C-alpha cells in the first residue's frame, strides 16, 4: 500500500502520523484525542541548539513554471535503498568507538549512518559538502501538528572525506544550528510568494528512525517493510534513515534502511564504498 503526500499538507513526520492514525480509525479504534490542531507560532527547538541570526543556508529558491514549482536539476537523480542489518550496525559501532563506549551510547544510529554517508559523498564529489542540513522531528504536543520538523545545519571545518566517522557523528549530534526562525522570517518577508526547496538545497539528512512508521494496522496486521521517497529533490541530494524491516530474517527489528536520492553516478559509487565497509549488503532499487 502506498501514500502520496504533499508538503503543502505537512512534513514527512506528519505523513507517517496521519497514515498510522487513519489505519487505526479505519479498524474501529477511536482517535486518542481531538483532531483540532492548536496554533503553533514556531517549532520548539532543543535548548542547546542556537538559532542562526543571519540568512538561512538550508534552503534555496525554487524555479516557478506557471503555477508549478520545482527543483531544477543539473543531473539525473535516482533513488536507492540500502538495508543495514543489526549485525552490520553493531560492527559499525564497535569499529567506530573502540575506546569511547560512553560516546557510543550517546550516539544514535541516525547520526552514525548520516556521518558515514556524508564522508563517502565527500570523497566522491570534487567539491566536498562542508555544510549539511539535518531534519528531525520537533516537539509534538497534540500529535496532529502539520509542520513539525526542525530544520538544522551542521558545518564542518575539517576535510570531511578524511575525517573519522565518529567525529562527524558527534558533529551532527552536538553542533546543529537550528534555522526554523530564519526560514520563517524569509517566507514572511517574501509574503509567501516565493517557494523554497529544503530537500537537496544542501546535502540533507532526515531522521525517521524513531518515528512510529510500523504502527499502521490493516486487517489486524502490521507492515513488514515501510519505506519513503521524496520527489523534487535538489542536486545535493537527500538521505533518509528509517527503521529496518520487521521480518523474522533479521530477528524482528533492530536494523535500518538508508534511502538515498542522489545524482545517478554518485549512487553507483556509494554502493561500491559501502560494499568496502560491509562486504555484501542487501539493497533495493526504489
C-alpha atoms as a PDB file:
ATOM      1  CA  UNK A   1       0.000   0.000   0.000  1.00  0.00           C
ATOM      2  CA  UNK A   2       1.282   3.482  -0.817  1.00  0.00           C
ATOM      3  CA  UNK A   3       0.511   7.051   0.204  1.00  0.00           C
ATOM      4  CA  UNK A   4       1.412  10.119  -1.842  1.00  0.00           C
ATOM      5  CA  UNK A   5       1.682  13.170   0.394  1.00  0.00           C
ATOM      6  CA  UNK A   6       2.216  16.838  -0.443  1.00  0.00           C
ATOM      7  CA  UNK A   7       4.367  19.048   1.769  1.00  0.00           C
ATOM      8  CA  UNK A   8       1.613  21.637   1.469  1.00  0.00           C
ATOM      9  CA  UNK A   9      -0.243  19.352   3.904  1.00  0.00           C
ATOM     10  CA  UNK A  10       2.680  18.730   6.212  1.00  0.00           C
ATOM     11  CA  UNK A  11       6.142  17.223   6.569  1.00  0.00           C
ATOM     12  CA  UNK A  12       7.209  13.577   6.405  1.00  0.00           C
ATOM     13  CA  UNK A  13       6.644  13.075  10.133  1.00  0.00           C
ATOM     14  CA  UNK A  14       3.055  14.256   9.744  1.00  0.00           C
ATOM     15  CA  UNK A  15       2.536  11.873   6.808  1.00  0.00           C
ATOM     16  CA  UNK A  16       3.529   8.849   8.898  1.00  0.00           C
ATOM     17  CA  UNK A  17       1.474  10.122  11.822  1.00  0.00           C
ATOM     18  CA  UNK A  18      -1.543  10.529   9.553  1.00  0.00           C
ATOM     19  CA  UNK A  19      -1.432   7.080   7.946  1.00  0.00           C
ATOM     20  CA  UNK A  20      -0.933   5.344  11.317  1.00  0.00           C
ATOM     21  CA  UNK A  21      -3.904   7.118  12.907  1.00  0.00           C
ATOM     22  CA  UNK A  22      -6.023   6.694   9.756  1.00  0.00           C
ATOM     23  CA  UNK A  23      -5.453   2.928   9.713  1.00  0.00           C
ATOM     24  CA  UNK A  24      -6.468   2.573  13.360  1.00  0.00           C
ATOM     25  CA  UNK A  25      -9.586   4.675  12.900  1.00  0.00           C
ATOM     26  CA  UNK A  26     -10.445   2.512   9.872  1.00  0.00           C
ATOM     27  CA  UNK A  27     -10.123  -0.532  12.120  1.00  0.00           C
ATOM     28  CA  UNK A  28     -12.660   0.957  14.532  1.00  0.00           C
ATOM     29  CA  UNK A  29     -10.320   2.456  17.118  1.00  0.00           C
ATOM     30  CA  UNK A  30     -11.353   5.883  18.350  1.00  0.00           C
ATOM     31  CA  UNK A  31      -8.771   8.634  17.867  1.00  0.00           C
ATOM     32  CA  UNK A  32      -6.814   9.198  21.105  1.00  0.00           C
ATOM     33  CA  UNK A  33      -7.671  12.907  21.212  1.00  0.00           C
ATOM     34  CA  UNK A  34      -9.454  15.638  19.292  1.00  0.00           C
ATOM     35  CA  UNK A  35      -8.470  16.358  15.694  1.00  0.00           C
ATOM     36  CA  UNK A  36      -8.432  20.091  16.465  1.00  0.00           C
ATOM     37  CA  UNK A  37      -4.968  21.457  15.710  1.00  0.00           C
ATOM     38  CA  UNK A  38      -3.705  24.030  18.144  1.00  0.00           C
ATOM     39  CA  UNK A  39      -1.886  27.076  16.837  1.00  0.00           C
ATOM     40  CA  UNK A  40       1.911  26.893  16.958  1.00  0.00           C
ATOM     41  CA  UNK A  41       3.860  30.063  16.267  1.00  0.00           C
ATOM     42  CA  UNK A  42       7.066  28.150  15.727  1.00  0.00           C
ATOM     43  CA  UNK A  43       8.665  24.765  16.279  1.00  0.00           C
ATOM     44  CA  UNK A  44      10.264  24.497  19.692  1.00  0.00           C
ATOM     45  CA  UNK A  45      13.977  23.898  19.326  1.00  0.00           C
ATOM     46  CA  UNK A  46      16.162  21.905  21.712  1.00  0.00           C
ATOM     47  CA  UNK A  47      17.668  24.309  24.267  1.00  0.00           C
ATOM     48  CA  UNK A  48      21.293  23.531  23.302  1.00  0.00           C
ATOM     49  CA  UNK A  49      20.707  24.464  19.652  1.00  0.00           C
ATOM     50  CA  UNK A  50      21.204  28.163  18.933  1.00  0.00           C
ATOM     51  CA  UNK A  51      19.132  29.871  16.256  1.00  0.00           C
ATOM     52  CA  UNK A  52      21.040  31.311  13.327  1.00  0.00           C
ATOM     53  CA  UNK A  53      20.829  35.135  13.227  1.00  0.00           C
ATOM     54  CA  UNK A  54      21.640  35.522   9.500  1.00  0.00           C
ATOM     55  CA  UNK A  55      20.034  34.329   6.295  1.00  0.00           C
ATOM     56  CA  UNK A  56      19.114  30.627   6.168  1.00  0.00           C
ATOM     57  CA  UNK A  57      21.615  28.424   4.361  1.00  0.00           C
ATOM     58  CA  UNK A  58      19.458  25.282   4.432  1.00  0.00           C
ATOM     59  CA  UNK A  59      17.102  26.444   1.638  1.00  0.00           C
ATOM     60  CA  UNK A  60      17.162  27.797  -1.898  1.00  0.00           C
ATOM     61  CA  UNK A  61      14.553  29.395  -4.109  1.00  0.00           C
ATOM     62  CA  UNK A  62      12.562  27.055  -6.331  1.00  0.00           C
ATOM     63  CA  UNK A  63      12.079  27.647 -10.043  1.00  0.00           C
ATOM     64  CA  UNK A  64       8.487  28.501 -10.926  1.00  0.00           C
ATOM     65  CA  UNK A  65       6.911  27.261 -14.160  1.00  0.00           C
ATOM     66  CA  UNK A  66       3.463  28.863 -14.478  1.00  0.00           C
ATOM     67  CA  UNK A  67       1.660  27.707 -11.311  1.00  0.00           C
ATOM     68  CA  UNK A  68       4.088  24.854 -10.569  1.00  0.00           C
ATOM     69  CA  UNK A  69       7.328  24.930  -8.591  1.00  0.00           C
ATOM     70  CA  UNK A  70      10.209  22.517  -8.943  1.00  0.00           C
ATOM     71  CA  UNK A  71      13.828  21.951  -8.085  1.00  0.00           C
ATOM     72  CA  UNK A  72      15.764  22.216 -11.331  1.00  0.00           C
ATOM     73  CA  UNK A  73      18.419  19.509 -11.525  1.00  0.00           C
ATOM     74  CA  UNK A  74      21.675  19.690 -13.436  1.00  0.00           C
ATOM     75  CA  UNK A  75      21.959  15.906 -13.402  1.00  0.00           C
ATOM     76  CA  UNK A  76      19.724  12.836 -13.306  1.00  0.00           C
ATOM     77  CA  UNK A  77      18.682  11.979  -9.746  1.00  0.00           C
ATOM     78  CA  UNK A  78      17.965   8.378  -8.737  1.00  0.00           C
ATOM     79  CA  UNK A  79      16.690   6.795  -5.519  1.00  0.00           C
ATOM     80  CA  UNK A  80      18.138   3.664  -3.935  1.00  0.00           C
ATOM     81  CA  UNK A  81      17.602   1.914  -0.598  1.00  0.00           C
ATOM     82  CA  UNK A  82      20.275   0.122   1.426  1.00  0.00           C
ATOM     83  CA  UNK A  83      19.139  -2.416   4.038  1.00  0.00           C
ATOM     84  CA  UNK A  84      21.512  -2.416   7.013  1.00  0.00           C
ATOM     85  CA  UNK A  85      21.253  -5.449   9.292  1.00  0.00           C
ATOM     86  CA  UNK A  86      21.567  -5.331  13.095  1.00  0.00           C
ATOM     87  CA  UNK A  87      24.905  -7.165  12.819  1.00  0.00           C
ATOM     88  CA  UNK A  88      26.237  -4.578  10.386  1.00  0.00           C
ATOM     89  CA  UNK A  89      25.129  -1.771  12.706  1.00  0.00           C
ATOM     90  CA  UNK A  90      26.788  -3.404  15.708  1.00  0.00           C
ATOM     91  CA  UNK A  91      30.003  -3.909  13.724  1.00  0.00           C
ATOM     92  CA  UNK A  92      29.952  -0.260  12.656  1.00  0.00           C
ATOM     93  CA  UNK A  93      29.503   0.999  16.226  1.00  0.00           C
ATOM     94  CA  UNK A  94      32.159  -1.369  17.594  1.00  0.00           C
ATOM     95  CA  UNK A  95      34.728  -0.316  14.996  1.00  0.00           C
ATOM     96  CA  UNK A  96      33.992   3.396  15.486  1.00  0.00           C
ATOM     97  CA  UNK A  97      34.006   3.624  19.280  1.00  0.00           C
ATOM     98  CA  UNK A  98      36.681   1.150  20.345  1.00  0.00           C
ATOM     99  CA  UNK A  99      37.967   3.442  23.102  1.00  0.00           C
ATOM    100  CA  UNK A 100      34.900   5.503  23.976  1.00  0.00           C
ATOM    101  CA  UNK A 101      31.880   3.420  24.928  1.00  0.00           C
ATOM    102  CA  UNK A 102      30.325   6.415  26.672  1.00  0.00           C
ATOM    103  CA  UNK A 103      30.166   8.290  23.379  1.00  0.00           C
ATOM    104  CA  UNK A 104      28.788   5.182  21.681  1.00  0.00           C
ATOM    105  CA  UNK A 105      25.780   5.103  23.998  1.00  0.00           C
ATOM    106  CA  UNK A 106      25.059   8.793  23.296  1.00  0.00           C
ATOM    107  CA  UNK A 107      25.246   8.463  19.512  1.00  0.00           C
ATOM    108  CA  UNK A 108      22.181   7.381  17.537  1.00  0.00           C
ATOM    109  CA  UNK A 109      22.239   5.108  14.513  1.00  0.00           C
ATOM    110  CA  UNK A 110      20.900   8.058  12.518  1.00  0.00           C
ATOM    111  CA  UNK A 111      23.956  10.130  13.426  1.00  0.00           C
ATOM    112  CA  UNK A 112      26.334   7.263  12.649  1.00  0.00           C
ATOM    113  CA  UNK A 113      24.785   6.356   9.284  1.00  0.00           C
ATOM    114  CA  UNK A 114      24.454  10.014   8.278  1.00  0.00           C
ATOM    115  CA  UNK A 115      28.111  10.605   9.131  1.00  0.00           C
ATOM    116  CA  UNK A 116      29.141   7.543   7.126  1.00  0.00           C
ATOM    117  CA  UNK A 117      27.230   8.646   4.020  1.00  0.00           C
ATOM    118  CA  UNK A 118      28.428  12.253   4.439  1.00  0.00           C
ATOM    119  CA  UNK A 119      32.046  11.098   4.481  1.00  0.00           C
ATOM    120  CA  UNK A 120      31.653   8.900   1.401  1.00  0.00           C
ATOM    121  CA  UNK A 121      29.760  11.525  -0.582  1.00  0.00           C
ATOM    122  CA  UNK A 122      32.533  13.991   0.294  1.00  0.00           C
ATOM    123  CA  UNK A 123      35.093  11.539  -1.084  1.00  0.00           C
ATOM    124  CA  UNK A 124      33.045  11.071  -4.255  1.00  0.00           C
ATOM    125  CA  UNK A 125      32.455  14.750  -5.049  1.00  0.00           C
ATOM    126  CA  UNK A 126      35.055  17.077  -6.494  1.00  0.00           C
ATOM    127  CA  UNK A 127      33.900  19.780  -4.059  1.00  0.00           C
ATOM    128  CA  UNK A 128      33.038  18.100  -0.775  1.00  0.00           C
ATOM    129  CA  UNK A 129      29.939  19.297   1.111  1.00  0.00           C
ATOM    130  CA  UNK A 130      31.119  21.169   4.201  1.00  0.00           C
ATOM    131  CA  UNK A 131      27.582  22.154   5.238  1.00  0.00           C
ATOM    132  CA  UNK A 132      24.679  19.698   5.512  1.00  0.00           C
ATOM    133  CA  UNK A 133      21.044  20.050   6.520  1.00  0.00           C
ATOM    134  CA  UNK A 134      19.576  17.871   9.281  1.00  0.00           C
ATOM    135  CA  UNK A 135      15.806  17.402   9.530  1.00  0.00           C
ATOM    136  CA  UNK A 136      14.443  15.987  12.789  1.00  0.00           C
ATOM    137  CA  UNK A 137      11.061  15.725  14.448  1.00  0.00           C
ATOM    138  CA  UNK A 138      10.141  18.630  16.727  1.00  0.00           C
ATOM    139  CA  UNK A 139       8.138  18.605  19.933  1.00  0.00           C
ATOM    140  CA  UNK A 140       4.607  17.375  19.287  1.00  0.00           C
ATOM    141  CA  UNK A 141       2.150  18.480  21.948  1.00  0.00           C
ATOM    142  CA  UNK A 142      -1.085  17.452  20.223  1.00  0.00           C
ATOM    143  CA  UNK A 143       0.033  14.736  17.803  1.00  0.00           C
ATOM    144  CA  UNK A 144      -1.638  16.381  14.793  1.00  0.00           C
ATOM    145  CA  UNK A 145       0.673  19.307  14.027  1.00  0.00           C
ATOM    146  CA  UNK A 146       1.020  19.715  10.261  1.00  0.00           C
ATOM    147  CA  UNK A 147       4.535  21.198  10.230  1.00  0.00           C
ATOM    148  CA  UNK A 148       6.585  19.664  12.964  1.00  0.00           C
ATOM    149  CA  UNK A 149      10.082  19.492  11.509  1.00  0.00           C
ATOM    150  CA  UNK A 150      13.219  21.070  12.963  1.00  0.00           C
ATOM    151  CA  UNK A 151      15.498  22.386  10.204  1.00  0.00           C
ATOM    152  CA  UNK A 152      19.143  22.488  11.293  1.00  0.00           C
ATOM    153  CA  UNK A 153      22.509  22.894   9.612  1.00  0.00           C
ATOM    154  CA  UNK A 154      25.866  21.422  10.537  1.00  0.00           C
ATOM    155  CA  UNK A 155      29.118  22.905   9.290  1.00  0.00           C
ATOM    156  CA  UNK A 156      32.436  21.047   9.233  1.00  0.00           C
ATOM    157  CA  UNK A 157      35.700  22.964   9.470  1.00  0.00           C
ATOM    158  CA  UNK A 158      37.717  19.880   8.563  1.00  0.00           C
ATOM    159  CA  UNK A 159      38.262  17.746   5.483  1.00  0.00           C
ATOM    160  CA  UNK A 160      35.089  15.640   5.647  1.00  0.00           C
ATOM    161  CA  UNK A 161      36.363  12.887   3.347  1.00  0.00           C
ATOM    162  CA  UNK A 162      39.393  12.330   5.608  1.00  0.00           C
ATOM    163  CA  UNK A 163      37.571  12.609   8.941  1.00  0.00           C
ATOM    164  CA  UNK A 164      36.654   9.793  11.295  1.00  0.00           C
ATOM    165  CA  UNK A 165      33.002   8.800  11.082  1.00  0.00           C
ATOM    166  CA  UNK A 166      32.772   9.061  14.880  1.00  0.00           C
ATOM    167  CA  UNK A 167      33.880  12.709  14.772  1.00  0.00           C
ATOM    168  CA  UNK A 168      31.332  13.552  12.071  1.00  0.00           C
ATOM    169  CA  UNK A 169      28.602  11.746  14.023  1.00  0.00           C
ATOM    170  CA  UNK A 170      29.459  13.794  17.114  1.00  0.00           C
ATOM    171  CA  UNK A 171      29.327  16.962  14.996  1.00  0.00           C
ATOM    172  CA  UNK A 172      25.821  16.038  13.779  1.00  0.00           C
ATOM    173  CA  UNK A 173      24.654  15.216  17.285  1.00  0.00           C
ATOM    174  CA  UNK A 174      26.092  18.204  19.133  1.00  0.00           C
ATOM    175  CA  UNK A 175      26.713  21.077  16.697  1.00  0.00           C
ATOM    176  CA  UNK A 176      23.383  21.539  14.902  1.00  0.00           C
ATOM    177  CA  UNK A 177      22.298  25.146  14.327  1.00  0.00           C
ATOM    178  CA  UNK A 178      18.519  25.477  14.088  1.00  0.00           C
ATOM    179  CA  UNK A 179      17.172  27.607  11.237  1.00  0.00           C
ATOM    180  CA  UNK A 180      13.387  27.404  11.657  1.00  0.00           C
ATOM    181  CA  UNK A 181      13.021  31.028  12.710  1.00  0.00           C
ATOM    182  CA  UNK A 182      15.140  32.493   9.925  1.00  0.00           C
ATOM    183  CA  UNK A 183      13.392  30.338   7.315  1.00  0.00           C
ATOM    184  CA  UNK A 184      10.016  31.537   8.585  1.00  0.00           C
ATOM    185  CA  UNK A 185      11.220  35.142   8.523  1.00  0.00           C
ATOM    186  CA  UNK A 186      12.381  34.696   4.925  1.00  0.00           C
ATOM    187  CA  UNK A 187       8.983  33.323   3.906  1.00  0.00           C
ATOM    188  CA  UNK A 188       7.175  36.141   5.679  1.00  0.00           C
ATOM    189  CA  UNK A 189       9.471  38.714   4.083  1.00  0.00           C
ATOM    190  CA  UNK A 190       8.536  37.345   0.653  1.00  0.00           C
ATOM    191  CA  UNK A 191       4.850  37.454   1.684  1.00  0.00           C
ATOM    192  CA  UNK A 192       4.502  33.785   0.805  1.00  0.00           C
ATOM    193  CA  UNK A 193       5.021  34.493  -2.896  1.00  0.00           C
ATOM    194  CA  UNK A 194       8.317  32.612  -3.211  1.00  0.00           C
ATOM    195  CA  UNK A 195       8.726  28.830  -2.974  1.00  0.00           C
ATOM    196  CA  UNK A 196      11.690  27.284  -1.203  1.00  0.00           C
ATOM    197  CA  UNK A 197      13.455  23.934  -1.619  1.00  0.00           C
ATOM    198  CA  UNK A 198      14.819  22.316   1.546  1.00  0.00           C
ATOM    199  CA  UNK A 199      15.483  18.713   0.452  1.00  0.00           C
ATOM    200  CA  UNK A 200      18.679  18.765  -1.585  1.00  0.00           C
ATOM    201  CA  UNK A 201      19.362  22.506  -1.357  1.00  0.00           C
ATOM    202  CA  UNK A 202      22.244  21.186   0.736  1.00  0.00           C
ATOM    203  CA  UNK A 203      23.066  17.527   1.250  1.00  0.00           C
ATOM    204  CA  UNK A 204      20.098  16.712   3.517  1.00  0.00           C
ATOM    205  CA  UNK A 205      19.698  14.011   6.169  1.00  0.00           C
ATOM    206  CA  UNK A 206      16.236  13.149   7.532  1.00  0.00           C
ATOM    207  CA  UNK A 207      15.890  11.316  10.847  1.00  0.00           C
ATOM    208  CA  UNK A 208      12.908   8.959  10.574  1.00  0.00           C
ATOM    209  CA  UNK A 209      14.378   6.112  12.611  1.00  0.00           C
ATOM    210  CA  UNK A 210      12.360   6.753  15.768  1.00  0.00           C
ATOM    211  CA  UNK A 211       9.070   7.552  14.046  1.00  0.00           C
ATOM    212  CA  UNK A 212       6.254   5.058  14.612  1.00  0.00           C
ATOM    213  CA  UNK A 213       6.026   4.098  10.950  1.00  0.00           C
ATOM    214  CA  UNK A 214       5.306   0.456  11.755  1.00  0.00           C
ATOM    215  CA  UNK A 215       2.190   1.330  13.763  1.00  0.00           C
ATOM    216  CA  UNK A 216      -0.039   1.180  10.673  1.00  0.00           C
ATOM    217  CA  UNK A 217      -2.685  -1.504  11.270  1.00  0.00           C
ATOM    218  CA  UNK A 218      -4.693  -3.029   8.396  1.00  0.00           C
ATOM    219  CA  UNK A 219      -6.858  -6.138   8.795  1.00  0.00           C
ATOM    220  CA  UNK A 220      -5.168  -6.735  12.127  1.00  0.00           C
ATOM    221  CA  UNK A 221      -1.720  -6.847  10.518  1.00  0.00           C
ATOM    222  CA  UNK A 222       1.236  -4.503  10.852  1.00  0.00           C
ATOM    223  CA  UNK A 223       3.581  -3.898   7.881  1.00  0.00           C
ATOM    224  CA  UNK A 224       6.760  -5.915   7.366  1.00  0.00           C
ATOM    225  CA  UNK A 225       8.564  -3.170   5.401  1.00  0.00           C
ATOM    226  CA  UNK A 226       7.935   0.586   5.257  1.00  0.00           C
ATOM    227  CA  UNK A 227       9.897   2.929   3.022  1.00  0.00           C
ATOM    228  CA  UNK A 228       9.713   6.565   1.997  1.00  0.00           C
ATOM    229  CA  UNK A 229      10.895   8.507  -1.039  1.00  0.00           C
ATOM    230  CA  UNK A 230      10.897  12.250  -1.741  1.00  0.00           C
ATOM    231  CA  UNK A 231      10.304  13.904  -5.104  1.00  0.00           C
ATOM    232  CA  UNK A 232      11.597  17.289  -6.219  1.00  0.00           C
ATOM    233  CA  UNK A 233      14.997  16.854  -4.545  1.00  0.00           C
ATOM    234  CA  UNK A 234      17.747  19.363  -5.364  1.00  0.00           C
ATOM    235  CA  UNK A 235      21.139  18.366  -6.796  1.00  0.00           C
ATOM    236  CA  UNK A 236      22.868  17.990  -3.433  1.00  0.00           C
ATOM    237  CA  UNK A 237      20.587  15.068  -2.600  1.00  0.00           C
ATOM    238  CA  UNK A 238      18.721  13.685   0.386  1.00  0.00           C
ATOM    239  CA  UNK A 239      19.338  10.719   2.736  1.00  0.00           C
ATOM    240  CA  UNK A 240      16.550   9.170   4.819  1.00  0.00           C
ATOM    241  CA  UNK A 241      17.287   6.880   7.768  1.00  0.00           C
ATOM    242  CA  UNK A 242      14.340   4.649   8.673  1.00  0.00           C
ATOM    243  CA  UNK A 243      13.770   1.578  10.866  1.00  0.00           C
ATOM    244  CA  UNK A 244      14.578  -1.659   9.104  1.00  0.00           C
ATOM    245  CA  UNK A 245      12.171  -4.383   8.089  1.00  0.00           C
ATOM    246  CA  UNK A 246      10.283  -6.197  10.821  1.00  0.00           C
ATOM    247  CA  UNK A 247      10.731  -9.638   9.281  1.00  0.00           C
ATOM    248  CA  UNK A 248      11.889 -12.776  11.034  1.00  0.00           C
ATOM    249  CA  UNK A 249      15.082 -12.992   8.987  1.00  0.00           C
ATOM    250  CA  UNK A 250      16.652 -10.055  10.866  1.00  0.00           C
ATOM    251  CA  UNK A 251      15.397 -11.012  14.287  1.00  0.00           C
ATOM    252  CA  UNK A 252      12.238  -8.953  14.038  1.00  0.00           C
ATOM    253  CA  UNK A 253      13.741  -5.483  14.485  1.00  0.00           C
ATOM    254  CA  UNK A 254      16.927  -3.535  15.039  1.00  0.00           C
ATOM    255  CA  UNK A 255      18.177  -2.884  11.501  1.00  0.00           C
ATOM    256  CA  UNK A 256      17.912   0.310   9.479  1.00  0.00           C
ATOM    257  CA  UNK A 257      17.093   1.320   5.932  1.00  0.00           C
ATOM    258  CA  UNK A 258      19.043   4.125   4.292  1.00  0.00           C
ATOM    259  CA  UNK A 259      17.183   5.567   1.304  1.00  0.00           C
ATOM    260  CA  UNK A 260      19.230   7.985  -0.766  1.00  0.00           C
ATOM    261  CA  UNK A 261      18.260  10.266  -3.653  1.00  0.00           C
ATOM    262  CA  UNK A 262      21.490  11.410  -5.278  1.00  0.00           C
ATOM    263  CA  UNK A 263      22.938  12.009  -8.750  1.00  0.00           C
ATOM    264  CA  UNK A 264      22.992   8.696 -10.615  1.00  0.00           C
ATOM    265  CA  UNK A 265      26.790   8.392 -10.808  1.00  0.00           C
ATOM    266  CA  UNK A 266      27.143   9.093  -7.096  1.00  0.00           C
ATOM    267  CA  UNK A 267      24.711   6.315  -6.183  1.00  0.00           C
ATOM    268  CA  UNK A 268      26.799   3.765  -8.080  1.00  0.00           C
ATOM    269  CA  UNK A 269      29.988   4.965  -6.381  1.00  0.00           C
ATOM    270  CA  UNK A 270      28.288   4.972  -2.978  1.00  0.00           C
ATOM    271  CA  UNK A 271      27.294   1.328  -3.486  1.00  0.00           C
ATOM    272  CA  UNK A 272      30.935   0.423  -4.044  1.00  0.00           C
ATOM    273  CA  UNK A 273      32.145   2.329  -0.997  1.00  0.00           C
ATOM    274  CA  UNK A 274      29.524   0.743   1.273  1.00  0.00           C
ATOM    275  CA  UNK A 275      30.500  -2.703  -0.041  1.00  0.00           C
ATOM    276  CA  UNK A 276      34.049  -1.887   1.059  1.00  0.00           C
ATOM    277  CA  UNK A 277      32.668  -1.126   4.537  1.00  0.00           C
ATOM    278  CA  UNK A 278      30.347  -4.113   4.936  1.00  0.00           C
ATOM    279  CA  UNK A 279      31.023  -6.562   2.133  1.00  0.00           C
ATOM    280  CA  UNK A 280      27.765  -7.801   0.637  1.00  0.00           C
ATOM    281  CA  UNK A 281      24.815  -5.573   1.562  1.00  0.00           C
ATOM    282  CA  UNK A 282      21.192  -6.070   0.697  1.00  0.00           C
ATOM    283  CA  UNK A 283      19.915  -3.228  -1.434  1.00  0.00           C
ATOM    284  CA  UNK A 284      16.749  -2.452  -3.322  1.00  0.00           C
ATOM    285  CA  UNK A 285      16.073   0.000  -6.109  1.00  0.00           C
ATOM    286  CA  UNK A 286      13.118   2.209  -5.230  1.00  0.00           C
END
